[in-house]
């Protein structure tokens, strides 16, 4: 006597009665039923995987501003019964954010019927992004982020160094180039006065400070020595500092630009491969006028502006903590509304920020868990996330075609 599974019997029962009664039907139906049962199991497994993919892919990341499926960052989803494994690879640094994202995705997966466990890996991989046409890439530098203001005195250099340090703390390899030939400030802010070394007599090693690779004309001259150079000499010096420094596998190189829209900025736009720019301003109308000019400059040379940072948005009294908008309110918000940009964040006018850079320990390293440092981290992550959505640079993957004559 033969015994068949419940699934086989169910399948047999679904067949037409006359076929069931036939001798052929009695012989092959259990086999057919087993095959049908297997197909059903496969179909159920595929459906479960689709459900998991939908649950993870539909999550809207707050930094990307879009769901993970649209962003193309879900790399792998595997389902084994009730056990789920998934891998998400972001284009921006994840240290300090990966656990938050993992918890959010795990919650979505575990809400699905039949889910027993969810192993979700979150990783970061920096890729090169498209730059201006015809501009040669910099060896060992994947992406260059230019930080500009158009006007001096808005805290651009302080913002630049803290953002660079925040990106490094989040897991990226980061360098900073002080492009202000006439008024270099990064050596003091980084607490580094070391003269760059040269191993081959032609190139310079970057000066390491707080985990950053850095270069500045300030490392090559005395701190109180003026640079009395005409524009062409200053721009040539900038190119040498950039191209003759032996950068070591950087994900991001932050360039701290001088104020204005003159020779140095023009050189940056025409000869230096810039992946994206960030505008720093204060809420004050006078500062916004020049910030708008900086945006227009990048727009004309086809450098994408990743967003606006509003610095000194609110004064915080060091004695009582009272907040006062001494430079006005809403300036950054008005600018981004006018040009369709993103307000990356607002930073306070805080005495500690000035004290920290004067002492050579910027706020991100001096007080890494403080509110100001966390604000820098948020802005840095938004910048990197916005950059990750820009067009990729595939030029390095295109093979060279060589025609040889025999």
Protein backbone atom coordinates (compact mmCIF):
# COMPACT_ATOMS: atom_id res chain seq x y z
CA UNK A 1 0.00 0.00 0.00
CA UNK A 2 1.34 3.43 -0.95
CA UNK A 3 1.20 6.47 1.30
CA UNK A 4 1.26 10.00 -0.09
CA UNK A 5 1.79 13.35 1.53
CA UNK A 6 -1.12 15.60 2.36
CA UNK A 7 0.10 17.95 -0.37
CA UNK A 8 0.03 15.13 -2.91
CA UNK A 9 -3.51 14.18 -1.94
CA UNK A 10 -4.63 17.81 -2.14
CA UNK A 11 -3.12 18.13 -5.59
CA UNK A 12 -4.77 14.88 -6.69
CA UNK A 13 -8.13 16.10 -5.42
CA UNK A 14 -7.87 19.22 -7.54
CA UNK A 15 -7.63 17.22 -10.80
CA UNK A 16 -10.71 16.38 -12.90
CA UNK A 17 -12.68 13.40 -11.62
CA UNK A 18 -12.46 11.32 -14.78
CA UNK A 19 -8.66 11.69 -14.80
CA UNK A 20 -8.47 10.68 -11.13
CA UNK A 21 -10.46 7.53 -11.89
CA UNK A 22 -8.21 6.45 -14.76
CA UNK A 23 -5.36 3.99 -14.25
CA UNK A 24 -2.87 6.60 -15.50
CA UNK A 25 -4.19 9.16 -13.11
CA UNK A 26 -3.91 6.76 -10.18
CA UNK A 27 -0.28 6.05 -11.07
CA UNK A 28 1.11 9.48 -11.88
CA UNK A 29 -0.91 11.82 -9.75
CA UNK A 30 1.17 11.37 -6.60
CA UNK A 31 4.32 12.16 -8.61
CA UNK A 32 2.68 15.14 -10.23
CA UNK A 33 1.42 16.25 -6.86
CA UNK A 34 4.93 16.12 -5.41
CA UNK A 35 6.22 18.27 -8.27
CA UNK A 36 3.42 20.76 -7.82
CA UNK A 37 4.11 20.89 -4.11
CA UNK A 38 7.81 21.65 -4.76
CA UNK A 39 6.87 24.40 -7.20
CA UNK A 40 4.59 25.92 -4.59
CA UNK A 41 7.39 25.94 -2.03
CA UNK A 42 9.72 27.69 -4.52
CA UNK A 43 7.02 30.23 -5.33
CA UNK A 44 6.47 30.93 -1.63
CA UNK A 45 10.25 31.43 -1.15
CA UNK A 46 10.41 33.87 -4.05
CA UNK A 47 7.43 35.79 -2.74
CA UNK A 48 9.04 36.05 0.69
CA UNK A 49 12.20 37.46 -0.87
CA UNK A 50 10.16 40.01 -2.79
CA UNK A 51 8.47 41.05 0.44
CA UNK A 52 11.83 41.54 2.14
CA UNK A 53 13.19 43.48 -0.82
CA UNK A 54 10.13 45.71 -0.75
CA UNK A 55 10.38 46.25 3.02
CA UNK A 56 14.05 47.25 2.85
CA UNK A 57 13.96 49.04 -0.48
CA UNK A 58 11.00 51.26 0.44
CA UNK A 59 12.78 52.72 3.47
CA UNK A 60 13.39 56.44 2.88
CA UNK A 61 16.86 57.36 4.13
CA UNK A 62 16.86 60.80 5.79
CA UNK A 63 20.26 61.72 4.34
CA UNK A 64 19.69 60.48 0.82
CA UNK A 65 16.18 61.92 0.76
CA UNK A 66 14.91 58.92 -1.21
CA UNK A 67 14.17 55.24 -0.68
CA UNK A 68 17.01 52.72 -0.71
CA UNK A 69 15.75 50.95 -3.83
CA UNK A 70 15.68 54.18 -5.84
CA UNK A 71 19.13 55.06 -4.54
CA UNK A 72 20.42 51.69 -5.75
CA UNK A 73 22.17 50.79 -2.50
CA UNK A 74 20.51 47.42 -1.69
CA UNK A 75 23.16 44.97 -2.81
CA UNK A 76 21.90 41.59 -1.61
CA UNK A 77 18.83 39.97 -0.07
CA UNK A 78 18.68 36.27 0.83
CA UNK A 79 15.83 34.39 2.49
CA UNK A 80 16.21 30.95 4.09
CA UNK A 81 12.93 29.97 5.68
CA UNK A 82 12.32 32.69 8.25
CA UNK A 83 15.95 33.83 8.32
CA UNK A 84 16.83 36.94 6.33
CA UNK A 85 20.22 38.25 5.30
CA UNK A 86 20.65 41.57 3.52
CA UNK A 87 23.48 43.88 2.57
CA UNK A 88 23.19 47.63 2.05
CA UNK A 89 26.18 49.51 0.63
CA UNK A 90 25.97 53.28 1.04
CA UNK A 91 28.01 55.83 -0.85
CA UNK A 92 28.65 57.91 2.27
CA UNK A 93 30.44 57.10 5.56
CA UNK A 94 28.36 55.10 8.03
CA UNK A 95 30.21 55.17 11.37
CA UNK A 96 27.80 56.65 13.89
CA UNK A 97 24.80 55.96 11.65
CA UNK A 98 24.98 52.29 10.74
CA UNK A 99 23.34 51.04 13.95
CA UNK A 100 20.43 53.46 13.55
CA UNK A 101 19.87 52.37 9.96
CA UNK A 102 20.31 48.68 10.79
CA UNK A 103 17.73 48.91 13.59
CA UNK A 104 15.22 50.67 11.32
CA UNK A 105 15.60 48.07 8.55
CA UNK A 106 15.52 45.15 10.95
CA UNK A 107 12.27 46.44 12.44
CA UNK A 108 10.70 46.53 8.99
CA UNK A 109 11.85 43.01 8.15
CA UNK A 110 10.77 41.50 11.47
CA UNK A 111 7.29 42.96 10.98
CA UNK A 112 6.80 40.61 8.01
CA UNK A 113 4.80 37.42 8.70
CA UNK A 114 7.11 34.44 9.21
CA UNK A 115 10.31 36.45 9.78
CA UNK A 116 12.45 34.83 12.47
CA UNK A 117 15.74 36.75 12.25
CA UNK A 118 17.28 39.57 10.24
CA UNK A 119 21.02 39.89 9.69
CA UNK A 120 21.56 43.22 7.92
CA UNK A 121 25.06 44.40 6.98
CA UNK A 122 25.64 48.12 6.41
CA UNK A 123 28.82 49.20 4.63
CA UNK A 124 30.39 52.22 2.92
CA UNK A 125 32.19 52.40 -0.39
CA UNK A 126 33.34 55.68 -1.89
CA UNK A 127 33.38 55.97 -5.67
CA UNK A 128 34.57 58.68 -8.01
CA UNK A 129 31.94 61.11 -9.18
CA UNK A 130 31.75 63.07 -12.39
CA UNK A 131 33.66 66.36 -12.61
CA UNK A 132 34.10 69.13 -15.18
CA UNK A 133 34.82 67.95 -18.70
CA UNK A 134 38.45 67.80 -19.77
CA UNK A 135 39.90 68.13 -16.27
CA UNK A 136 42.53 65.57 -15.26
CA UNK A 137 41.91 63.58 -12.06
CA UNK A 138 44.21 63.87 -9.06
CA UNK A 139 46.16 60.72 -8.23
CA UNK A 140 44.78 58.87 -5.19
CA UNK A 141 41.88 61.31 -4.72
CA UNK A 142 38.38 60.00 -5.42
CA UNK A 143 36.37 63.16 -4.77
CA UNK A 144 37.12 66.84 -4.22
CA UNK A 145 34.66 68.96 -2.23
CA UNK A 146 35.19 72.72 -2.51
CA UNK A 147 34.02 74.85 0.41
CA UNK A 148 33.39 78.47 -0.58
CA UNK A 149 31.75 81.54 0.83
CA UNK A 150 32.26 84.40 -1.60
CA UNK A 151 32.89 86.61 1.44
CA UNK A 152 35.44 86.57 4.23
CA UNK A 153 34.61 86.47 7.90
CA UNK A 154 31.74 83.97 7.78
CA UNK A 155 33.68 81.10 9.37
CA UNK A 156 34.34 79.12 6.19
CA UNK A 157 37.77 77.80 7.22
CA UNK A 158 36.51 76.75 10.65
CA UNK A 159 33.59 75.01 9.00
CA UNK A 160 35.86 73.33 6.44
CA UNK A 161 38.20 71.77 8.96
CA UNK A 162 35.40 70.56 11.23
CA UNK A 163 33.53 69.01 8.32
CA UNK A 164 36.70 67.26 7.15
CA UNK A 165 37.29 65.91 10.65
CA UNK A 166 33.67 64.77 10.88
CA UNK A 167 33.93 62.82 7.61
CA UNK A 168 37.12 61.18 8.88
CA UNK A 169 35.47 60.23 12.17
CA UNK A 170 32.62 58.67 10.21
CA UNK A 171 35.01 56.26 8.51
CA UNK A 172 36.28 57.99 5.36
CA UNK A 173 39.87 58.72 4.32
CA UNK A 174 39.96 62.51 4.21
CA UNK A 175 42.41 65.26 3.35
CA UNK A 176 42.18 69.04 3.50
CA UNK A 177 43.88 71.54 1.23
CA UNK A 178 44.21 75.13 2.34
CA UNK A 179 43.73 77.03 -0.93
CA UNK A 180 44.03 80.46 0.66
CA UNK A 181 47.52 81.32 -0.55
CA UNK A 182 47.46 84.85 0.89
CA UNK A 183 45.97 84.00 4.28
CA UNK A 184 46.48 80.33 5.18
CA UNK A 185 44.83 79.34 8.44
CA UNK A 186 44.61 75.55 8.45
CA UNK A 187 48.06 74.94 10.02
CA UNK A 188 47.01 76.93 13.11
CA UNK A 189 43.56 75.36 13.24
CA UNK A 190 45.02 71.85 13.00
CA UNK A 191 47.78 72.60 15.48
CA UNK A 192 50.36 71.49 12.92
CA UNK A 193 53.49 73.49 12.17
CA UNK A 194 55.51 70.68 10.61
CA UNK A 195 57.33 71.34 7.37
CA UNK A 196 56.29 68.77 4.71
CA UNK A 197 58.85 66.08 3.93
CA UNK A 198 59.87 64.92 0.47
CA UNK A 199 60.97 61.37 -0.25
CA UNK A 200 61.93 61.91 -3.88
CA UNK A 201 62.86 65.59 -4.04
CA UNK A 202 59.91 66.34 -6.32
CA UNK A 203 56.75 65.72 -4.31
CA UNK A 204 55.66 66.47 -0.75
CA UNK A 205 54.18 64.22 1.88
CA UNK A 206 50.94 65.52 3.40
CA UNK A 207 51.13 66.72 6.98
CA UNK A 208 49.09 64.44 9.25
CA UNK A 209 46.97 66.05 11.95
CA UNK A 210 44.02 64.59 13.88
CA UNK A 211 43.71 61.80 11.32
CA UNK A 212 43.60 64.19 8.35
CA UNK A 213 46.08 64.50 5.50
CA UNK A 214 46.67 68.21 5.06
CA UNK A 215 48.59 70.64 2.88
CA UNK A 216 48.94 74.42 3.03
CA UNK A 217 51.32 77.12 1.89
CA UNK A 218 51.41 77.93 5.60
CA UNK A 219 53.59 74.85 6.14
CA UNK A 220 56.24 76.29 3.81
CA UNK A 221 56.55 79.85 5.17
CA UNK A 222 56.76 81.56 8.51
CA UNK A 223 53.38 82.21 10.09
CA UNK A 224 53.80 85.99 9.98
CA UNK A 225 55.32 86.14 6.47
CA UNK A 226 53.04 87.81 3.87
CA UNK A 227 52.62 86.27 0.43
CA UNK A 228 53.12 89.25 -1.89
CA UNK A 229 52.30 87.46 -5.13
CA UNK A 230 50.31 88.38 -8.19
CA UNK A 231 47.36 86.22 -9.24
CA UNK A 232 49.19 83.89 -11.67
CA UNK A 233 51.81 83.02 -9.05
CA UNK A 234 49.13 82.26 -6.46
CA UNK A 235 47.20 80.00 -8.82
CA UNK A 236 50.38 78.18 -9.84
CA UNK A 237 51.19 77.65 -6.17
CA UNK A 238 47.71 76.20 -5.61
CA UNK A 239 48.13 73.72 -8.45
CA UNK A 240 51.52 72.65 -7.13
CA UNK A 241 50.19 72.15 -3.62
CA UNK A 242 47.41 70.00 -4.99
CA UNK A 243 49.21 67.94 -7.63
CA UNK A 244 52.64 67.65 -6.03
CA UNK A 245 51.36 66.31 -2.73
CA UNK A 246 51.47 62.51 -2.39
CA UNK A 247 47.90 62.04 -1.19
CA UNK A 248 47.21 58.55 0.12
CA UNK A 249 43.99 56.95 -1.18
CA UNK A 250 41.58 59.71 -0.20
CA UNK A 251 37.82 59.27 -0.38
CA UNK A 252 37.38 63.03 0.00
CA UNK A 253 39.68 66.00 -0.31
CA UNK A 254 38.13 69.13 1.19
CA UNK A 255 39.45 72.33 -0.36
CA UNK A 256 39.13 75.42 1.82
CA UNK A 257 38.79 78.18 -0.77
CA UNK A 258 39.71 81.82 -0.15
CA UNK A 259 36.92 84.42 -0.20
CA UNK A 260 35.77 85.88 -3.51
CA UNK A 261 35.38 84.67 -7.08
CA UNK A 262 38.78 85.61 -8.51
CA UNK A 263 41.85 83.89 -9.96
CA UNK A 264 42.10 81.06 -7.43
CA UNK A 265 38.43 80.14 -7.79
CA UNK A 266 38.70 80.30 -11.58
CA UNK A 267 41.72 77.98 -11.51
CA UNK A 268 39.79 75.59 -9.30
CA UNK A 269 36.89 75.55 -11.74
CA UNK A 270 38.99 75.15 -14.89
CA UNK A 271 41.88 72.91 -13.84
CA UNK A 272 40.90 71.03 -10.69
CA UNK A 273 38.38 68.14 -10.79
CA UNK A 274 35.69 69.19 -8.33
CA UNK A 275 32.94 66.68 -7.52
CA UNK A 276 30.79 69.14 -5.60
CA UNK A 277 30.79 72.47 -3.78
CA UNK A 278 29.41 73.68 -0.45
CA UNK A 279 28.49 77.31 0.20
CA UNK A 280 29.01 78.73 3.71
CA UNK A 281 27.16 81.90 4.67
CA UNK A 282 25.71 83.72 7.66
CA UNK A 283 22.05 84.80 7.82
CA UNK A 284 23.09 88.40 7.22
CA UNK A 285 21.95 89.95 3.93
CA UNK A 286 25.43 91.29 3.13
CA UNK A 287 26.97 87.81 3.44
CA UNK A 288 24.17 86.31 1.38
CA UNK A 289 24.91 88.66 -1.52
CA UNK A 290 28.39 87.19 -1.91
CA UNK A 291 27.22 83.64 -1.19
CA UNK A 292 24.84 83.97 -4.14
CA UNK A 293 27.76 85.07 -6.32
CA UNK A 294 29.72 81.99 -5.27
CA UNK A 295 26.77 79.79 -6.23
CA UNK A 296 26.47 81.50 -9.62
CA UNK A 297 30.18 80.96 -10.24
CA UNK A 298 29.94 77.21 -9.64
CA UNK A 299 26.79 77.06 -11.73
CA UNK A 300 28.56 78.66 -14.70
CA UNK A 301 31.47 76.22 -14.59
CA UNK A 302 29.19 73.16 -14.15
CA UNK A 303 30.24 72.26 -10.62
CA UNK A 304 27.22 70.94 -8.67
CA UNK A 305 26.48 72.77 -5.43
CA UNK A 306 25.61 70.20 -2.77
CA UNK A 307 23.98 72.71 -0.45
CA UNK A 308 24.33 75.67 1.89
CA UNK A 309 25.63 75.78 5.47
CA UNK A 310 24.33 78.65 7.55
CA UNK A 311 27.04 79.54 10.05
CA UNK A 312 26.60 81.82 13.07
CA UNK A 313 22.85 81.34 12.77
CA UNK A 314 22.33 81.86 16.49
CA UNK A 315 24.50 83.35 19.22
CA UNK A 316 24.60 81.25 22.38
CA UNK A 317 25.60 83.08 25.55
CA UNK A 318 28.42 81.23 27.30
CA UNK A 319 27.09 82.30 30.74
CA UNK A 320 23.36 81.72 30.62
CA UNK A 321 22.82 79.84 27.36
CA UNK A 322 20.46 82.50 26.00
CA UNK A 323 20.04 82.32 22.21
CA UNK A 324 19.89 85.42 20.04
CA UNK A 325 19.92 85.79 16.24
CA UNK A 326 22.34 88.71 16.13
CA UNK A 327 22.99 88.29 12.36
CA UNK A 328 19.33 87.92 11.49
CA UNK A 329 17.25 84.86 10.75
CA UNK A 330 16.31 82.73 7.77
CA UNK A 331 19.00 83.94 5.37
CA UNK A 332 20.18 80.47 4.44
CA UNK A 333 16.61 79.22 4.05
CA UNK A 334 15.80 82.08 1.68
CA UNK A 335 18.84 81.37 -0.46
CA UNK A 336 18.14 77.65 -0.84
CA UNK A 337 14.49 78.41 -1.65
CA UNK A 338 15.56 80.85 -4.39
CA UNK A 339 17.96 78.41 -6.07
CA UNK A 340 16.43 75.03 -5.33
CA UNK A 341 19.31 73.97 -3.06
CA UNK A 342 19.39 72.12 0.25
CA UNK A 343 20.02 73.77 3.60
CA UNK A 344 22.60 71.32 4.92
CA UNK A 345 22.47 72.65 8.46
CA UNK A 346 22.82 75.59 10.81
CA UNK A 347 25.72 76.21 13.16
CA UNK A 348 25.73 78.50 16.20
CA UNK A 349 27.99 81.43 17.00
CA UNK A 350 29.61 79.72 19.97
CA UNK A 351 32.69 80.88 21.86
CA UNK A 352 33.99 77.33 22.13
CA UNK A 353 34.23 76.93 18.35
CA UNK A 354 36.64 79.86 18.14
CA UNK A 355 38.63 78.74 21.18
CA UNK A 356 38.99 75.20 19.86
CA UNK A 357 40.47 76.18 16.47
CA UNK A 358 42.75 78.77 18.05
CA UNK A 359 44.17 76.00 20.23
CA UNK A 360 44.65 73.65 17.28
CA UNK A 361 41.93 71.21 18.34
CA UNK A 362 38.78 71.88 16.30
CA UNK A 363 35.48 71.22 18.03
CA UNK A 364 34.86 67.84 16.36
CA UNK A 365 37.96 66.44 18.09
CA UNK A 366 37.96 68.68 21.17
CA UNK A 367 34.40 67.78 22.21
CA UNK A 368 33.29 64.91 19.93
CA UNK A 369 30.03 64.23 21.77
CA UNK A 370 29.05 67.87 22.25
CA UNK A 371 26.05 69.43 20.52
CA UNK A 372 28.20 71.54 18.19
CA UNK A 373 30.29 68.56 17.10
CA UNK A 374 27.12 66.54 16.44
CA UNK A 375 25.83 69.41 14.28
CA UNK A 376 29.02 69.25 12.20
CA UNK A 377 28.58 65.48 11.88
CA UNK A 378 25.03 65.86 10.61
CA UNK A 379 26.10 68.40 8.00
CA UNK A 380 29.09 66.31 6.90
CA UNK A 381 26.91 63.23 6.46
CA UNK A 382 24.38 65.20 4.42
CA UNK A 383 27.16 66.53 2.18
CA UNK A 384 28.57 63.05 1.54
CA UNK A 385 25.09 61.60 0.98
CA UNK A 386 24.21 64.33 -1.50
CA UNK A 387 27.48 63.71 -3.31
CA UNK A 388 26.77 59.97 -3.48
CA UNK A 389 23.69 60.74 -5.59
CA UNK A 390 25.70 62.64 -8.20
CA UNK A 391 26.66 61.04 -11.50
CA UNK A 392 29.48 58.50 -11.24
CA UNK A 393 32.77 58.82 -13.11
CA UNK A 394 33.33 55.71 -15.23
CA UNK A 395 36.26 57.06 -17.23
CA UNK A 396 38.73 54.87 -15.36
CA UNK A 397 36.78 51.77 -16.47
CA UNK A 398 36.89 52.62 -20.17
CA UNK A 399 39.73 50.71 -21.82
CA UNK A 400 42.27 52.53 -23.93
CA UNK A 401 42.25 51.64 -27.60
CA UNK A 402 45.65 51.40 -29.21
CA UNK A 403 45.98 50.95 -32.99
CA UNK A 404 49.22 49.39 -34.05
CA UNK A 405 50.48 49.25 -37.63
CA UNK A 406 52.20 46.08 -38.66
